[in-house]
Amino acid sequence: MRVCAILGASAIFFAAEPALSRESDAQIKQKIIRQSIQGYPGNCPCPYNTDLAGRSCGRRSAYTRPGGYSPKCYESDVSASDVRAYRDVH
């Protein structure tokens, strides 16, 4: 269904249905990684992040420590079921 509004001599069309463009799996994986990192309460969720002093987190990151938080830092950490779940919610 399309809605048409006429303003003066020009017509403006508004699409009532949602856009058909879908995000790629890679784009969704990046969003999931970004959300995972933002949800971490500390300064070193991933090895490639830096701490407050500007040093690389490396082995001190939550990603490399056993137990506790397990942030998703790399695309390989995001499974196909994670991508499907994201699509179902969004």
Protein backbone atom coordinates (compact mmCIF):
# COMPACT_ATOMS: atom_id res chain seq x y z
CA MET A 1 0.00 0.00 0.00
CA ARG A 2 1.36 3.41 -0.90
CA VAL A 3 0.20 6.75 0.40
CA CYS A 4 0.36 9.79 -1.83
CA ALA A 5 0.41 13.40 -0.70
CA ILE A 6 0.18 16.22 -3.19
CA LEU A 7 1.88 19.46 -2.24
CA GLY A 8 1.43 22.11 -4.88
CA ALA A 9 2.55 20.74 -8.22
CA SER A 10 4.67 17.91 -6.81
CA ALA A 11 3.58 14.59 -5.40
CA ILE A 12 5.34 12.89 -2.50
CA PHE A 13 5.04 9.14 -2.02
CA PHE A 14 5.41 7.49 1.36
CA ALA A 15 5.91 3.75 1.59
CA ALA A 16 3.55 2.28 4.15
CA GLU A 17 5.23 -1.14 4.10
CA PRO A 18 8.62 -1.71 5.77
CA ALA A 19 11.74 -1.42 3.67
CA LEU A 20 12.73 -4.65 1.97
CA SER A 21 16.44 -4.16 2.56
CA ARG A 22 17.85 -6.59 5.10
CA GLU A 23 21.07 -6.32 6.98
CA SER A 24 23.74 -8.83 6.04
CA ASP A 25 24.93 -11.45 8.51
CA ALA A 26 28.24 -9.59 8.81
CA GLN A 27 26.46 -6.34 9.74
CA ILE A 28 24.36 -8.14 12.35
CA LYS A 29 27.45 -9.85 13.77
CA GLN A 30 29.13 -6.46 14.18
CA LYS A 31 26.06 -5.13 16.00
CA ILE A 32 25.99 -8.16 18.32
CA ILE A 33 29.71 -7.71 19.06
CA ARG A 34 29.22 -3.98 19.74
CA GLN A 35 26.29 -4.70 22.10
CA SER A 36 28.29 -7.39 23.89
CA ILE A 37 31.24 -5.05 24.44
CA GLN A 38 28.97 -2.21 25.59
CA GLY A 39 27.32 -4.58 28.09
CA TYR A 40 30.62 -5.34 29.78
CA PRO A 41 30.99 -3.29 32.99
CA GLY A 42 34.80 -3.09 32.98
CA ASN A 43 37.47 -1.58 30.74
CA CYS A 44 38.89 -4.70 29.10
CA PRO A 45 36.20 -6.84 27.50
CA CYS A 46 38.33 -7.91 24.50
CA PRO A 47 42.07 -8.41 23.96
CA TYR A 48 42.20 -5.64 21.33
CA ASN A 49 40.69 -3.01 23.66
CA THR A 50 42.80 -0.64 25.75
CA ASP A 51 42.59 0.06 29.46
CA LEU A 52 42.28 3.53 31.00
CA ALA A 53 46.06 3.99 30.87
CA GLY A 54 46.05 3.29 27.13
CA ARG A 55 47.70 -0.13 27.37
CA SER A 56 46.44 -3.06 25.32
CA CYS A 57 44.23 -5.36 27.39
CA GLY A 58 45.61 -8.55 25.84
CA ARG A 59 45.58 -11.43 28.33
CA ARG A 60 43.99 -9.25 30.99
CA SER A 61 40.72 -9.06 29.04
CA ALA A 62 37.52 -10.78 30.13
CA TYR A 63 37.59 -12.68 26.83
CA THR A 64 40.77 -14.54 27.77
CA ARG A 65 39.85 -15.23 31.40
CA PRO A 66 37.97 -18.41 32.27
CA GLY A 67 34.54 -18.07 33.89
CA GLY A 68 32.59 -14.90 34.48
CA TYR A 69 31.86 -12.64 31.54
CA SER A 70 32.27 -14.03 28.06
CA PRO A 71 31.96 -11.08 25.69
CA LYS A 72 31.71 -11.68 21.97
CA CYS A 73 34.78 -10.00 20.50
CA TYR A 74 35.17 -11.57 17.05
CA GLU A 75 32.80 -12.54 14.24
CA SER A 76 33.69 -16.19 14.84
CA ASP A 77 32.18 -15.87 18.34
CA VAL A 78 28.75 -15.05 16.91
CA SER A 79 26.87 -18.16 15.86
CA ALA A 80 24.22 -18.51 13.17
CA SER A 81 21.63 -18.98 15.92
CA ASP A 82 22.72 -15.64 17.45
CA VAL A 83 22.10 -13.96 14.08
CA ARG A 84 18.68 -15.66 13.75
CA ALA A 85 17.73 -14.59 17.27
CA TYR A 86 18.75 -11.00 16.48
CA ARG A 87 16.61 -11.02 13.33
CA ASP A 88 13.64 -12.42 15.26
CA VAL A 89 13.81 -9.61 17.80
CA HIS A 90 14.58 -6.78 15.38
